[in-house]
Amino acid sequence: MADWRDFTVLFCMTLVVLGAVSLAFSAQTFSIVKGKVVEKGVGVLEFDGKPRLTNTISVLIENDDRVFDIKRGTVVKYPVTEQDVQVVEIGSDVELFVSSFKATARVLGQPSPGSA
């Protein structure tokens, strides 16, 4: 007959497996991309079959992205929010949070011009 210790061990093993699966899933759904802004513009995204204008920035990728399979040296156009497009300057270095669950990328950081 199983007692409470057996159920506790089984419960803990289930939590460990569930945690490992969730970490593996989340690692394949987002990426942090570093690069240099080469252009600001406007793009069109489709939401529920309706076209919608959105702000974009084109970024020269400085690191390889394994999640979305983007190689270093590639220029990618990302949709961003109005606030983010106002913060970035053409020629500045940026870090972007790109998720497969969101329509827009988020600007995480912009190193100050004097930092190396």
PDB file of N, CA and C in Angstrom:
ATOM      1  N   MET A   1       0.837  -1.177   0.000  1.00  0.00           N
ATOM      2  CA  MET A   1       0.000   0.000   0.000  1.00  0.00           C
ATOM      3  C   MET A   1       0.885   1.244   0.000  1.00  0.00           C
ATOM      4  N   ALA A   2       0.573   2.194  -0.845  1.00  0.00           N
ATOM      5  CA  ALA A   2       1.350   3.425  -0.934  1.00  0.00           C
ATOM      6  C   ALA A   2       0.966   4.365   0.202  1.00  0.00           C
ATOM      7  N   ASP A   3       1.970   5.028   0.740  1.00  0.00           N
ATOM      8  CA  ASP A   3       1.685   6.000   1.801  1.00  0.00           C
ATOM      9  C   ASP A   3       1.950   7.412   1.275  1.00  0.00           C
ATOM     10  N   TRP A   4       1.887   8.413   2.128  1.00  0.00           N
ATOM     11  CA  TRP A   4       1.999   9.809   1.718  1.00  0.00           C
ATOM     12  C   TRP A   4       3.373  10.135   1.147  1.00  0.00           C
ATOM     13  N   ARG A   5       4.413   9.403   1.567  1.00  0.00           N
ATOM     14  CA  ARG A   5       5.760   9.670   1.037  1.00  0.00           C
ATOM     15  C   ARG A   5       5.853   9.300  -0.443  1.00  0.00           C
ATOM     16  N   ASP A   6       5.233   8.222  -0.815  1.00  0.00           N
ATOM     17  CA  ASP A   6       5.240   7.824  -2.223  1.00  0.00           C
ATOM     18  C   ASP A   6       4.518   8.862  -3.088  1.00  0.00           C
ATOM     19  N   PHE A   7       3.408   9.344  -2.605  1.00  0.00           N
ATOM     20  CA  PHE A   7       2.682  10.383  -3.340  1.00  0.00           C
ATOM     21  C   PHE A   7       3.481  11.684  -3.412  1.00  0.00           C
ATOM     22  N   THR A   8       4.214  12.009  -2.349  1.00  0.00           N
ATOM     23  CA  THR A   8       5.041  13.214  -2.335  1.00  0.00           C
ATOM     24  C   THR A   8       6.160  13.111  -3.363  1.00  0.00           C
ATOM     25  N   VAL A   9       6.805  11.946  -3.435  1.00  0.00           N
ATOM     26  CA  VAL A   9       7.870  11.734  -4.422  1.00  0.00           C
ATOM     27  C   VAL A   9       7.305  11.843  -5.833  1.00  0.00           C
ATOM     28  N   LEU A  10       6.181  11.226  -6.081  1.00  0.00           N
ATOM     29  CA  LEU A  10       5.552  11.288  -7.399  1.00  0.00           C
ATOM     30  C   LEU A  10       5.152  12.719  -7.761  1.00  0.00           C
ATOM     31  N   PHE A  11       4.616  13.446  -6.799  1.00  0.00           N
ATOM     32  CA  PHE A  11       4.232  14.841  -7.017  1.00  0.00           C
ATOM     33  C   PHE A  11       5.453  15.701  -7.347  1.00  0.00           C
ATOM     34  N   CYS A  12       6.545  15.523  -6.609  1.00  0.00           N
ATOM     35  CA  CYS A  12       7.767  16.300  -6.861  1.00  0.00           C
ATOM     36  C   CYS A  12       8.362  15.970  -8.224  1.00  0.00           C
ATOM     37  N   MET A  13       8.357  14.705  -8.603  1.00  0.00           N
ATOM     38  CA  MET A  13       8.879  14.320  -9.916  1.00  0.00           C
ATOM     39  C   MET A  13       8.038  14.943 -11.033  1.00  0.00           C
ATOM     40  N   THR A  14       6.743  14.988 -10.837  1.00  0.00           N
ATOM     41  CA  THR A  14       5.860  15.608 -11.823  1.00  0.00           C
ATOM     42  C   THR A  14       6.149  17.099 -11.960  1.00  0.00           C
ATOM     43  N   LEU A  15       6.371  17.776 -10.843  1.00  0.00           N
ATOM     44  CA  LEU A  15       6.693  19.207 -10.891  1.00  0.00           C
ATOM     45  C   LEU A  15       8.019  19.466 -11.592  1.00  0.00           C
ATOM     46  N   VAL A  16       9.019  18.621 -11.372  1.00  0.00           N
ATOM     47  CA  VAL A  16      10.319  18.785 -12.028  1.00  0.00           C
ATOM     48  C   VAL A  16      10.170  18.621 -13.539  1.00  0.00           C
ATOM     49  N   VAL A  17       9.449  17.611 -13.973  1.00  0.00           N
ATOM     50  CA  VAL A  17       9.243  17.390 -15.406  1.00  0.00           C
ATOM     51  C   VAL A  17       8.454  18.546 -16.015  1.00  0.00           C
ATOM     52  N   LEU A  18       7.417  18.992 -15.341  1.00  0.00           N
ATOM     53  CA  LEU A  18       6.621  20.120 -15.828  1.00  0.00           C
ATOM     54  C   LEU A  18       7.469  21.389 -15.939  1.00  0.00           C
ATOM     55  N   GLY A  19       8.327  21.642 -14.965  1.00  0.00           N
ATOM     56  CA  GLY A  19       9.220  22.802 -15.009  1.00  0.00           C
ATOM     57  C   GLY A  19      10.204  22.724 -16.162  1.00  0.00           C
ATOM     58  N   ALA A  20      10.765  21.544 -16.407  1.00  0.00           N
ATOM     59  CA  ALA A  20      11.712  21.377 -17.513  1.00  0.00           C
ATOM     60  C   ALA A  20      11.033  21.593 -18.859  1.00  0.00           C
ATOM     61  N   VAL A  21       9.831  21.089 -19.006  1.00  0.00           N
ATOM     62  CA  VAL A  21       9.091  21.271 -20.259  1.00  0.00           C
ATOM     63  C   VAL A  21       8.751  22.740 -20.478  1.00  0.00           C
ATOM     64  N   SER A  22       8.332  23.429 -19.432  1.00  0.00           N
ATOM     65  CA  SER A  22       7.976  24.846 -19.590  1.00  0.00           C
ATOM     66  C   SER A  22       9.199  25.698 -19.912  1.00  0.00           C
ATOM     67  N   LEU A  23      10.351  25.389 -19.328  1.00  0.00           N
ATOM     68  CA  LEU A  23      11.579  26.124 -19.661  1.00  0.00           C
ATOM     69  C   LEU A  23      11.985  25.882 -21.109  1.00  0.00           C
ATOM     70  N   ALA A  24      11.897  24.644 -21.560  1.00  0.00           N
ATOM     71  CA  ALA A  24      12.245  24.338 -22.950  1.00  0.00           C
ATOM     72  C   ALA A  24      11.302  25.050 -23.913  1.00  0.00           C
ATOM     73  N   PHE A  25      10.021  25.104 -23.583  1.00  0.00           N
ATOM     74  CA  PHE A  25       9.049  25.791 -24.436  1.00  0.00           C
ATOM     75  C   PHE A  25       9.312  27.288 -24.480  1.00  0.00           C
ATOM     76  N   SER A  26       9.558  27.899 -23.333  1.00  0.00           N
ATOM     77  CA  SER A  26       9.761  29.350 -23.302  1.00  0.00           C
ATOM     78  C   SER A  26      11.053  29.752 -23.996  1.00  0.00           C
ATOM     79  N   ALA A  27      12.060  28.899 -23.969  1.00  0.00           N
ATOM     80  CA  ALA A  27      13.324  29.220 -24.631  1.00  0.00           C
ATOM     81  C   ALA A  27      13.172  29.265 -26.146  1.00  0.00           C
ATOM     82  N   GLN A  28      12.137  28.642 -26.682  1.00  0.00           N
ATOM     83  CA  GLN A  28      11.925  28.625 -28.121  1.00  0.00           C
ATOM     84  C   GLN A  28      10.911  29.663 -28.594  1.00  0.00           C
ATOM     85  N   THR A  29      10.458  30.538 -27.712  1.00  0.00           N
ATOM     86  CA  THR A  29       9.421  31.491 -28.105  1.00  0.00           C
ATOM     87  C   THR A  29       9.867  32.944 -28.049  1.00  0.00           C
ATOM     88  N   PHE A  30      11.046  33.231 -27.496  1.00  0.00           N
ATOM     89  CA  PHE A  30      11.509  34.615 -27.466  1.00  0.00           C
ATOM     90  C   PHE A  30      13.016  34.666 -27.624  1.00  0.00           C
ATOM     91  N   SER A  31      13.496  35.844 -27.976  1.00  0.00           N
ATOM     92  CA  SER A  31      14.926  36.049 -28.159  1.00  0.00           C
ATOM     93  C   SER A  31      15.262  37.504 -27.855  1.00  0.00           C
ATOM     94  N   ILE A  32      16.477  37.724 -27.388  1.00  0.00           N
ATOM     95  CA  ILE A  32      16.981  39.082 -27.197  1.00  0.00           C
ATOM     96  C   ILE A  32      18.010  39.326 -28.292  1.00  0.00           C
ATOM     97  N   VAL A  33      17.740  40.315 -29.113  1.00  0.00           N
ATOM     98  CA  VAL A  33      18.557  40.609 -30.284  1.00  0.00           C
ATOM     99  C   VAL A  33      19.308  41.909 -30.052  1.00  0.00           C
ATOM    100  N   LYS A  34      20.611  41.909 -30.353  1.00  0.00           N
ATOM    101  CA  LYS A  34      21.421  43.129 -30.271  1.00  0.00           C
ATOM    102  C   LYS A  34      21.753  43.577 -31.686  1.00  0.00           C
ATOM    103  N   GLY A  35      21.719  44.899 -31.880  1.00  0.00           N
ATOM    104  CA  GLY A  35      22.025  45.397 -33.199  1.00  0.00           C
ATOM    105  C   GLY A  35      22.099  46.910 -33.251  1.00  0.00           C
ATOM    106  N   LYS A  36      22.258  47.419 -34.467  1.00  0.00           N
ATOM    107  CA  LYS A  36      22.361  48.856 -34.711  1.00  0.00           C
ATOM    108  C   LYS A  36      21.183  49.279 -35.587  1.00  0.00           C
ATOM    109  N   VAL A  37      20.503  50.345 -35.161  1.00  0.00           N
ATOM    110  CA  VAL A  37      19.348  50.853 -35.907  1.00  0.00           C
ATOM    111  C   VAL A  37      19.846  51.527 -37.182  1.00  0.00           C
ATOM    112  N   VAL A  38      19.332  51.070 -38.332  1.00  0.00           N
ATOM    113  CA  VAL A  38      19.745  51.659 -39.605  1.00  0.00           C
ATOM    114  C   VAL A  38      18.628  52.453 -40.276  1.00  0.00           C
ATOM    115  N   GLU A  39      17.382  52.266 -39.806  1.00  0.00           N
ATOM    116  CA  GLU A  39      16.270  52.969 -40.446  1.00  0.00           C
ATOM    117  C   GLU A  39      15.040  52.935 -39.535  1.00  0.00           C
ATOM    118  N   LYS A  40      14.257  54.020 -39.594  1.00  0.00           N
ATOM    119  CA  LYS A  40      12.937  54.056 -38.963  1.00  0.00           C
ATOM    120  C   LYS A  40      11.916  54.192 -40.076  1.00  0.00           C
ATOM    121  N   GLY A  41      10.748  53.595 -39.873  1.00  0.00           N
ATOM    122  CA  GLY A  41       9.739  53.696 -40.916  1.00  0.00           C
ATOM    123  C   GLY A  41       8.373  53.277 -40.433  1.00  0.00           C
ATOM    124  N   VAL A  42       7.516  52.985 -41.396  1.00  0.00           N
ATOM    125  CA  VAL A  42       6.146  52.559 -41.122  1.00  0.00           C
ATOM    126  C   VAL A  42       5.894  51.288 -41.919  1.00  0.00           C
ATOM    127  N   GLY A  43       5.204  50.343 -41.294  1.00  0.00           N
ATOM    128  CA  GLY A  43       4.851  49.097 -41.962  1.00  0.00           C
ATOM    129  C   GLY A  43       3.378  48.797 -41.776  1.00  0.00           C
ATOM    130  N   VAL A  44       2.917  47.749 -42.424  1.00  0.00           N
ATOM    131  CA  VAL A  44       1.518  47.338 -42.335  1.00  0.00           C
ATOM    132  C   VAL A  44       1.460  45.936 -41.738  1.00  0.00           C
ATOM    133  N   LEU A  45       0.685  45.779 -40.660  1.00  0.00           N
ATOM    134  CA  LEU A  45       0.421  44.474 -40.057  1.00  0.00           C
ATOM    135  C   LEU A  45      -1.048  44.139 -40.244  1.00  0.00           C
ATOM    136  N   GLU A  46      -1.347  42.852 -40.390  1.00  0.00           N
ATOM    137  CA  GLU A  46      -2.734  42.401 -40.525  1.00  0.00           C
ATOM    138  C   GLU A  46      -3.245  41.936 -39.171  1.00  0.00           C
ATOM    139  N   PHE A  47      -4.326  42.537 -38.671  1.00  0.00           N
ATOM    140  CA  PHE A  47      -4.999  42.114 -37.450  1.00  0.00           C
ATOM    141  C   PHE A  47      -6.441  41.783 -37.795  1.00  0.00           C
ATOM    142  N   ASP A  48      -6.833  40.541 -37.602  1.00  0.00           N
ATOM    143  CA  ASP A  48      -8.191  40.086 -37.910  1.00  0.00           C
ATOM    144  C   ASP A  48      -8.577  40.407 -39.349  1.00  0.00           C
ATOM    145  N   GLY A  49      -7.630  40.260 -40.256  1.00  0.00           N
ATOM    146  CA  GLY A  49      -7.904  40.499 -41.665  1.00  0.00           C
ATOM    147  C   GLY A  49      -7.914  41.953 -42.079  1.00  0.00           C
ATOM    148  N   LYS A  50      -7.640  42.864 -41.139  1.00  0.00           N
ATOM    149  CA  LYS A  50      -7.647  44.292 -41.456  1.00  0.00           C
ATOM    150  C   LYS A  50      -6.219  44.828 -41.396  1.00  0.00           C
ATOM    151  N   PRO A  51      -5.776  45.547 -42.422  1.00  0.00           N
ATOM    152  CA  PRO A  51      -4.435  46.134 -42.378  1.00  0.00           C
ATOM    153  C   PRO A  51      -4.370  47.279 -41.371  1.00  0.00           C
ATOM    154  N   ARG A  52      -3.243  47.352 -40.674  1.00  0.00           N
ATOM    155  CA  ARG A  52      -3.052  48.407 -39.676  1.00  0.00           C
ATOM    156  C   ARG A  52      -1.622  48.930 -39.768  1.00  0.00           C
ATOM    157  N   LEU A  53      -1.471  50.251 -39.799  1.00  0.00           N
ATOM    158  CA  LEU A  53      -0.141  50.852 -39.857  1.00  0.00           C
ATOM    159  C   LEU A  53       0.542  50.739 -38.502  1.00  0.00           C
ATOM    160  N   THR A  54       1.842  50.472 -38.527  1.00  0.00           N
ATOM    161  CA  THR A  54       2.620  50.394 -37.295  1.00  0.00           C
ATOM    162  C   THR A  54       4.014  50.945 -37.553  1.00  0.00           C
ATOM    163  N   ASN A  55       4.646  51.438 -36.504  1.00  0.00           N
ATOM    164  CA  ASN A  55       6.017  51.938 -36.614  1.00  0.00           C
ATOM    165  C   ASN A  55       6.981  50.764 -36.711  1.00  0.00           C
ATOM    166  N   THR A  56       8.062  50.969 -37.460  1.00  0.00           N
ATOM    167  CA  THR A  56       9.078  49.927 -37.596  1.00  0.00           C
ATOM    168  C   THR A  56      10.463  50.529 -37.439  1.00  0.00           C
ATOM    169  N   ILE A  57      11.401  49.669 -37.049  1.00  0.00           N
ATOM    170  CA  ILE A  57      12.818  50.026 -37.110  1.00  0.00           C
ATOM    171  C   ILE A  57      13.542  48.879 -37.799  1.00  0.00           C
ATOM    172  N   SER A  58      14.510  49.222 -38.628  1.00  0.00           N
ATOM    173  CA  SER A  58      15.355  48.221 -39.263  1.00  0.00           C
ATOM    174  C   SER A  58      16.643  48.145 -38.472  1.00  0.00           C
ATOM    175  N   VAL A  59      17.033  46.911 -38.112  1.00  0.00           N
ATOM    176  CA  VAL A  59      18.181  46.695 -37.235  1.00  0.00           C
ATOM    177  C   VAL A  59      19.181  45.781 -37.927  1.00  0.00           C
ATOM    178  N   LEU A  60      20.453  46.198 -37.933  1.00  0.00           N
ATOM    179  CA  LEU A  60      21.550  45.355 -38.401  1.00  0.00           C
ATOM    180  C   LEU A  60      21.932  44.445 -37.242  1.00  0.00           C
ATOM    181  N   ILE A  61      21.672  43.153 -37.369  1.00  0.00           N
ATOM    182  CA  ILE A  61      21.859  42.191 -36.281  1.00  0.00           C
ATOM    183  C   ILE A  61      23.347  41.981 -36.012  1.00  0.00           C
ATOM    184  N   GLU A  62      23.734  42.080 -34.727  1.00  0.00           N
ATOM    185  CA  GLU A  62      25.135  41.915 -34.334  1.00  0.00           C
ATOM    186  C   GLU A  62      25.409  40.588 -33.642  1.00  0.00           C
ATOM    187  N   ASN A  63      24.374  39.794 -33.365  1.00  0.00           N
ATOM    188  CA  ASN A  63      24.582  38.473 -32.778  1.00  0.00           C
ATOM    189  C   ASN A  63      23.680  37.471 -33.489  1.00  0.00           C
ATOM    190  N   ASP A  64      24.082  36.199 -33.519  1.00  0.00           N
ATOM    191  CA  ASP A  64      23.256  35.168 -34.140  1.00  0.00           C
ATOM    192  C   ASP A  64      22.047  34.885 -33.263  1.00  0.00           C
ATOM    193  N   ASP A  65      20.920  34.690 -33.889  1.00  0.00           N
ATOM    194  CA  ASP A  65      19.683  34.388 -33.178  1.00  0.00           C
ATOM    195  C   ASP A  65      19.293  32.951 -33.506  1.00  0.00           C
ATOM    196  N   ARG A  66      19.391  32.069 -32.509  1.00  0.00           N
ATOM    197  CA  ARG A  66      19.085  30.659 -32.739  1.00  0.00           C
ATOM    198  C   ARG A  66      17.593  30.386 -32.771  1.00  0.00           C
ATOM    199  N   VAL A  67      16.795  31.186 -32.085  1.00  0.00           N
ATOM    200  CA  VAL A  67      15.357  30.927 -32.009  1.00  0.00           C
ATOM    201  C   VAL A  67      14.682  31.207 -33.349  1.00  0.00           C
ATOM    202  N   PHE A  68      14.913  32.381 -33.914  1.00  0.00           N
ATOM    203  CA  PHE A  68      14.280  32.759 -35.171  1.00  0.00           C
ATOM    204  C   PHE A  68      15.209  32.561 -36.369  1.00  0.00           C
ATOM    205  N   ASP A  69      16.385  31.958 -36.146  1.00  0.00           N
ATOM    206  CA  ASP A  69      17.353  31.615 -37.186  1.00  0.00           C
ATOM    207  C   ASP A  69      17.741  32.824 -38.043  1.00  0.00           C
ATOM    208  N   ILE A  70      18.193  33.883 -37.372  1.00  0.00           N
ATOM    209  CA  ILE A  70      18.667  35.086 -38.050  1.00  0.00           C
ATOM    210  C   ILE A  70      20.173  35.178 -37.831  1.00  0.00           C
ATOM    211  N   LYS A  71      20.916  35.329 -38.899  1.00  0.00           N
ATOM    212  CA  LYS A  71      22.375  35.347 -38.827  1.00  0.00           C
ATOM    213  C   LYS A  71      22.907  36.764 -38.630  1.00  0.00           C
ATOM    214  N   ARG A  72      24.086  36.837 -38.049  1.00  0.00           N
ATOM    215  CA  ARG A  72      24.777  38.110 -37.821  1.00  0.00           C
ATOM    216  C   ARG A  72      24.999  38.814 -39.161  1.00  0.00           C
ATOM    217  N   GLY A  73      24.782  40.123 -39.181  1.00  0.00           N
ATOM    218  CA  GLY A  73      24.979  40.899 -40.395  1.00  0.00           C
ATOM    219  C   GLY A  73      23.715  41.072 -41.227  1.00  0.00           C
ATOM    220  N   THR A  74      22.625  40.465 -40.816  1.00  0.00           N
ATOM    221  CA  THR A  74      21.349  40.584 -41.523  1.00  0.00           C
ATOM    222  C   THR A  74      20.605  41.825 -41.039  1.00  0.00           C
ATOM    223  N   VAL A  75      19.957  42.535 -41.947  1.00  0.00           N
ATOM    224  CA  VAL A  75      19.110  43.664 -41.565  1.00  0.00           C
ATOM    225  C   VAL A  75      17.665  43.168 -41.506  1.00  0.00           C
ATOM    226  N   VAL A  76      17.030  43.368 -40.335  1.00  0.00           N
ATOM    227  CA  VAL A  76      15.658  42.904 -40.118  1.00  0.00           C
ATOM    228  C   VAL A  76      14.793  44.096 -39.728  1.00  0.00           C
ATOM    229  N   LYS A  77      13.590  44.160 -40.291  1.00  0.00           N
ATOM    230  CA  LYS A  77      12.640  45.223 -39.955  1.00  0.00           C
ATOM    231  C   LYS A  77      11.683  44.687 -38.893  1.00  0.00           C
ATOM    232  N   TYR A  78      11.662  45.346 -37.721  1.00  0.00           N
ATOM    233  CA  TYR A  78      10.811  44.935 -36.608  1.00  0.00           C
ATOM    234  C   TYR A  78       9.718  45.966 -36.363  1.00  0.00           C
ATOM    235  N   PRO A  79       8.475  45.535 -36.161  1.00  0.00           N
ATOM    236  CA  PRO A  79       7.435  46.472 -35.719  1.00  0.00           C
ATOM    237  C   PRO A  79       7.657  46.818 -34.252  1.00  0.00           C
ATOM    238  N   VAL A  80       7.539  48.095 -33.903  1.00  0.00           N
ATOM    239  CA  VAL A  80       7.748  48.550 -32.522  1.00  0.00           C
ATOM    240  C   VAL A  80       6.630  49.512 -32.128  1.00  0.00           C
ATOM    241  N   THR A  81       6.560  49.810 -30.842  1.00  0.00           N
ATOM    242  CA  THR A  81       5.538  50.732 -30.343  1.00  0.00           C
ATOM    243  C   THR A  81       5.929  52.178 -30.646  1.00  0.00           C
ATOM    244  N   GLU A  82       4.969  53.069 -30.522  1.00  0.00           N
ATOM    245  CA  GLU A  82       5.209  54.506 -30.730  1.00  0.00           C
ATOM    246  C   GLU A  82       6.260  55.027 -29.757  1.00  0.00           C
ATOM    247  N   GLN A  83       6.201  54.587 -28.501  1.00  0.00           N
ATOM    248  CA  GLN A  83       7.171  55.032 -27.492  1.00  0.00           C
ATOM    249  C   GLN A  83       8.579  54.585 -27.850  1.00  0.00           C
ATOM    250  N   ASP A  84       8.710  53.327 -28.286  1.00  0.00           N
ATOM    251  CA  ASP A  84      10.035  52.801 -28.606  1.00  0.00           C
ATOM    252  C   ASP A  84      10.646  53.484 -29.825  1.00  0.00           C
ATOM    253  N   VAL A  85       9.830  53.792 -30.828  1.00  0.00           N
ATOM    254  CA  VAL A  85      10.376  54.431 -32.020  1.00  0.00           C
ATOM    255  C   VAL A  85      10.850  55.855 -31.710  1.00  0.00           C
ATOM    256  N   GLN A  86      10.253  56.510 -30.719  1.00  0.00           N
ATOM    257  CA  GLN A  86      10.695  57.847 -30.333  1.00  0.00           C
ATOM    258  C   GLN A  86      11.998  57.803 -29.546  1.00  0.00           C
ATOM    259  N   VAL A  87      12.239  56.711 -28.831  1.00  0.00           N
ATOM    260  CA  VAL A  87      13.432  56.597 -27.985  1.00  0.00           C
ATOM    261  C   VAL A  87      14.687  56.314 -28.808  1.00  0.00           C
ATOM    262  N   VAL A  88      14.574  55.481 -29.831  1.00  0.00           N
ATOM    263  CA  VAL A  88      15.765  55.066 -30.580  1.00  0.00           C
ATOM    264  C   VAL A  88      16.158  56.109 -31.615  1.00  0.00           C
ATOM    265  N   GLU A  89      17.438  56.173 -31.871  1.00  0.00           N
ATOM    266  CA  GLU A  89      17.997  57.071 -32.890  1.00  0.00           C
ATOM    267  C   GLU A  89      18.658  56.219 -33.964  1.00  0.00           C
ATOM    268  N   ILE A  90      18.631  56.688 -35.184  1.00  0.00           N
ATOM    269  CA  ILE A  90      19.307  55.982 -36.269  1.00  0.00           C
ATOM    270  C   ILE A  90      20.807  55.976 -35.976  1.00  0.00           C
ATOM    271  N   GLY A  91      21.420  54.803 -36.093  1.00  0.00           N
ATOM    272  CA  GLY A  91      22.843  54.643 -35.806  1.00  0.00           C
ATOM    273  C   GLY A  91      23.139  54.201 -34.387  1.00  0.00           C
ATOM    274  N   SER A  92      22.126  54.159 -33.517  1.00  0.00           N
ATOM    275  CA  SER A  92      22.359  53.766 -32.124  1.00  0.00           C
ATOM    276  C   SER A  92      22.288  52.248 -31.969  1.00  0.00           C
ATOM    277  N   ASP A  93      22.972  51.744 -30.945  1.00  0.00           N
ATOM    278  CA  ASP A  93      22.926  50.325 -30.601  1.00  0.00           C
ATOM    279  C   ASP A  93      21.696  50.068 -29.739  1.00  0.00           C
ATOM    280  N   VAL A  94      20.997  48.958 -29.999  1.00  0.00           N
ATOM    281  CA  VAL A  94      19.800  48.618 -29.229  1.00  0.00           C
ATOM    282  C   VAL A  94      19.782  47.130 -28.906  1.00  0.00           C
ATOM    283  N   GLU A  95      19.021  46.799 -27.869  1.00  0.00           N
ATOM    284  CA  GLU A  95      18.675  45.422 -27.549  1.00  0.00           C
ATOM    285  C   GLU A  95      17.163  45.318 -27.667  1.00  0.00           C
ATOM    286  N   LEU A  96      16.708  44.326 -28.418  1.00  0.00           N
ATOM    287  CA  LEU A  96      15.276  44.135 -28.634  1.00  0.00           C
ATOM    288  C   LEU A  96      14.820  42.806 -28.046  1.00  0.00           C
ATOM    289  N   PHE A  97      13.650  42.818 -27.430  1.00  0.00           N
ATOM    290  CA  PHE A  97      12.997  41.598 -26.964  1.00  0.00           C
ATOM    291  C   PHE A  97      11.986  41.210 -28.031  1.00  0.00           C
ATOM    292  N   VAL A  98      12.232  40.091 -28.705  1.00  0.00           N
ATOM    293  CA  VAL A  98      11.370  39.640 -29.788  1.00  0.00           C
ATOM    294  C   VAL A  98      10.676  38.362 -29.334  1.00  0.00           C
ATOM    295  N   SER A  99       9.353  38.366 -29.348  1.00  0.00           N
ATOM    296  CA  SER A  99       8.571  37.219 -28.898  1.00  0.00           C
ATOM    297  C   SER A  99       7.647  36.751 -30.012  1.00  0.00           C
ATOM    298  N   SER A 100       7.446  35.446 -30.080  1.00  0.00           N
ATOM    299  CA  SER A 100       6.515  34.925 -31.082  1.00  0.00           C
ATOM    300  C   SER A 100       5.067  35.131 -30.655  1.00  0.00           C
ATOM    301  N   PHE A 101       4.841  35.572 -29.422  1.00  0.00           N
ATOM    302  CA  PHE A 101       3.486  35.795 -28.919  1.00  0.00           C
ATOM    303  C   PHE A 101       3.024  37.240 -29.054  1.00  0.00           C
ATOM    304  N   LYS A 102       3.922  38.171 -29.403  1.00  0.00           N
ATOM    305  CA  LYS A 102       3.553  39.586 -29.525  1.00  0.00           C
ATOM    306  C   LYS A 102       3.779  40.061 -30.954  1.00  0.00           C
ATOM    307  N   ALA A 103       2.959  41.003 -31.372  1.00  0.00           N
ATOM    308  CA  ALA A 103       3.084  41.540 -32.730  1.00  0.00           C
ATOM    309  C   ALA A 103       4.246  42.520 -32.842  1.00  0.00           C
ATOM    310  N   THR A 104       4.641  43.156 -31.734  1.00  0.00           N
ATOM    311  CA  THR A 104       5.714  44.146 -31.782  1.00  0.00           C
ATOM    312  C   THR A 104       6.899  43.699 -30.942  1.00  0.00           C
ATOM    313  N   ALA A 105       8.079  44.152 -31.331  1.00  0.00           N
ATOM    314  CA  ALA A 105       9.285  43.932 -30.536  1.00  0.00           C
ATOM    315  C   ALA A 105       9.403  45.069 -29.528  1.00  0.00           C
ATOM    316  N   ARG A 106      10.033  44.814 -28.394  1.00  0.00           N
ATOM    317  CA  ARG A 106      10.221  45.850 -27.366  1.00  0.00           C
ATOM    318  C   ARG A 106      11.694  46.211 -27.279  1.00  0.00           C
ATOM    319  N   VAL A 107      11.979  47.496 -27.173  1.00  0.00           N
ATOM    320  CA  VAL A 107      13.349  47.964 -26.984  1.00  0.00           C
ATOM    321  C   VAL A 107      13.683  47.810 -25.509  1.00  0.00           C
ATOM    322  N   LEU A 108      14.688  46.975 -25.203  1.00  0.00           N
ATOM    323  CA  LEU A 108      15.083  46.730 -23.817  1.00  0.00           C
ATOM    324  C   LEU A 108      16.084  47.752 -23.331  1.00  0.00           C
ATOM    325  N   GLY A 109      17.062  48.031 -24.143  1.00  0.00           N
ATOM    326  CA  GLY A 109      18.090  48.944 -23.684  1.00  0.00           C
ATOM    327  C   GLY A 109      18.783  49.617 -24.832  1.00  0.00           C
ATOM    328  N   GLN A 110      19.320  50.737 -24.498  1.00  0.00           N
ATOM    329  CA  GLN A 110      20.078  51.514 -25.457  1.00  0.00           C
ATOM    330  C   GLN A 110      21.288  52.035 -24.711  1.00  0.00           C
ATOM    331  N   PRO A 111      22.488  51.459 -24.975  1.00  0.00           N
ATOM    332  CA  PRO A 111      23.670  51.925 -24.262  1.00  0.00           C
ATOM    333  C   PRO A 111      23.920  53.405 -24.499  1.00  0.00           C
ATOM    334  N   SER A 112      24.428  54.069 -23.486  1.00  0.00           N
ATOM    335  CA  SER A 112      24.726  55.494 -23.635  1.00  0.00           C
ATOM    336  C   SER A 112      25.880  55.674 -24.608  1.00  0.00           C
ATOM    337  N   PRO A 113      25.935  56.796 -25.325  1.00  0.00           N
ATOM    338  CA  PRO A 113      26.955  57.005 -26.351  1.00  0.00           C
ATOM    339  C   PRO A 113      28.378  56.927 -25.819  1.00  0.00           C
ATOM    340  N   GLY A 114      28.615  57.276 -24.567  1.00  0.00           N
ATOM    341  CA  GLY A 114      29.964  57.276 -24.022  1.00  0.00           C
ATOM    342  C   GLY A 114      30.439  55.938 -23.509  1.00  0.00           C
ATOM    343  N   SER A 115      29.532  54.950 -23.371  1.00  0.00           N
ATOM    344  CA  SER A 115      29.946  53.650 -22.824  1.00  0.00           C
ATOM    345  C   SER A 115      30.588  52.806 -23.902  1.00  0.00           C
ATOM    346  N   ALA A 116      31.505  51.926 -23.472  1.00  0.00           N
ATOM    347  CA  ALA A 116      32.211  51.093 -24.446  1.00  0.00           C
ATOM    348  C   ALA A 116      31.834  49.657 -24.327  1.00  0.00           C
TER     349      ALA A 116
END
